Structure formats: C-alpha cells, structure tokens
Protein backbone atom coordinates (compact mmCIF):
# COMPACT_ATOMS: atom_id res chain seq x y z
CA MET A 1 76.44 68.92 47.18
CA LYS A 2 77.21 72.18 48.98
CA ARG A 3 78.20 70.24 52.08
CA THR A 4 80.62 68.09 50.12
CA VAL A 5 82.26 71.12 48.50
CA LEU A 6 82.52 72.87 51.87
CA LEU A 7 84.04 69.77 53.44
CA LEU A 8 86.59 69.44 50.64
CA VAL A 9 87.56 73.10 50.99
CA LEU A 10 88.02 72.71 54.74
CA LEU A 11 90.10 69.57 54.21
CA ALA A 12 92.25 71.40 51.68
CA LEU A 13 92.93 74.18 54.20
CA LEU A 14 93.67 71.82 57.11
CA PRO A 15 97.30 70.96 56.19
CA GLY A 16 98.11 74.65 55.79
CA ALA A 17 96.75 75.37 59.25
CA VAL A 18 98.71 72.50 60.78
CA LEU A 19 101.92 73.40 58.97
CA GLY A 20 101.48 77.11 59.63
CA ALA A 21 101.59 76.42 63.37
CA GLN A 22 105.05 74.83 63.00
CA GLN A 23 107.13 77.77 61.84
CA PRO A 24 110.74 76.69 61.27
CA ALA A 25 113.47 78.84 62.73
CA ARG A 26 115.03 81.27 60.26
CA PRO A 27 118.59 80.46 59.24
CA ALA A 28 121.37 82.84 60.10
CA ALA A 29 121.61 85.70 57.61
CA THR A 30 125.39 85.45 57.22
CA GLN A 31 125.78 81.69 56.71
CA GLU A 32 128.47 81.17 54.07
CA ASP A 33 129.58 77.55 54.52
CA PHE A 34 127.76 74.26 54.05
CA VAL A 35 126.39 72.91 57.31
CA PRO A 36 125.25 69.26 57.41
CA VAL A 37 121.75 68.72 58.75
CA GLY A 38 123.06 66.45 61.49
CA SER A 39 125.10 69.27 63.00
CA LEU A 40 122.28 71.81 63.07
CA PRO A 41 120.64 72.61 66.40
CA GLN A 42 117.37 70.77 66.99
CA ALA A 43 115.37 74.01 66.64
CA GLU A 44 116.60 74.53 63.07
CA GLN A 45 115.74 71.05 61.79
CA LEU A 46 112.39 70.41 60.12
CA PRO A 47 111.32 66.81 60.72
CA ALA A 48 109.69 65.19 57.71
CA ALA A 49 107.54 62.69 59.60
CA PRO A 50 104.73 65.13 60.55
CA LEU A 51 104.59 66.42 56.98
CA VAL A 52 104.41 62.93 55.47
CA ILE A 53 101.79 61.79 57.97
CA GLY A 54 99.75 64.93 57.30
CA ALA A 55 99.93 64.39 53.55
CA TYR A 56 98.87 60.76 53.80
CA ALA A 57 96.05 61.64 56.20
CA PHE A 58 94.80 64.36 53.87
CA VAL A 59 94.83 62.03 50.86
CA TRP A 60 93.00 59.26 52.73
CA VAL A 61 90.38 61.63 54.13
CA ALA A 62 89.83 63.20 50.70
CA LEU A 63 89.52 59.72 49.15
CA LEU A 64 87.00 58.62 51.78
CA VAL A 65 84.94 61.78 51.29
CA TYR A 66 84.95 61.21 47.53
CA VAL A 67 83.87 57.56 47.88
CA TRP A 68 81.16 58.56 50.35
CA SER A 69 79.94 61.23 47.90
CA LEU A 70 79.82 58.68 45.07
CA TRP A 71 77.94 56.24 47.27
CA LYS A 72 75.31 58.84 48.17
CA ARG A 73 74.86 59.86 44.51
CA MET A 74 74.57 56.23 43.40
CA THR A 75 71.93 55.57 46.07
CA LYS A 76 69.91 58.54 44.85
CA LEU A 77 70.30 57.43 41.23
CA GLU A 78 69.14 53.89 42.07
CA ARG A 79 66.04 55.26 43.80
CA GLU A 80 65.23 57.45 40.80
CA LEU A 81 65.75 54.51 38.42
CA ALA A 82 63.46 52.27 40.49
CA ASP A 83 60.82 55.02 40.51
CA LEU A 84 61.10 55.38 36.73
CA GLN A 85 60.75 51.64 36.25
CA ARG A 86 57.57 51.64 38.39
CA ARG A 87 56.13 54.47 36.28
CA VAL A 88 56.89 52.62 33.04
CA GLN A 89 55.27 49.46 34.39
CA LYS A 90 52.11 51.42 35.31
CA GLN A 91 51.94 52.95 31.81
CA ARG A 92 51.83 49.51 30.14
C-alpha cells in the first residue's frame, strides 16, 4: 500500500518536473497592442503538443497503476476467501 501511494505521488509530481524544465520566455513588459500567435518569435510560443501528450501519458499511467493495485488487492482477497472456505469446511 505504501508503495502504491509513493508511486502515485511520484507520478503526480512528474508533469510538474517536465513542464518546469520548459520555461516559456517572458513577454515584453511594455507590450500594448495585440500580437497574433503566428507572428511571435519561435522562442515565445508555447507548443501545446508536449503538454497534451504529457497529460495523456499521466492519465494512462495513473489508470494502469490503479488497475494493477485493484488486481493485487483482488488476488489477496481471493486467497483469504479460499482460506476461509477451507476453514469452514474443516469445522463441519
């Protein structure tokens, strides 16, 4: 259980670490007019693709960890139930 919680915490911090490494350039302090994104220099544009891919990857990894956790708990529960059934059969 502790491992699962630790893994989920690490997975929650992963997108922040990835996104923190990609610091966007600060806009000019005296910008007064509207500037279309297409006319901005490449350094000032923030591409959405890495953010979307990171979000989808995080969701899929979190879902897989959750399903794996459920599978492990169900396996343990089935073993305990089989053990209990054996004990009840011996008592009769």
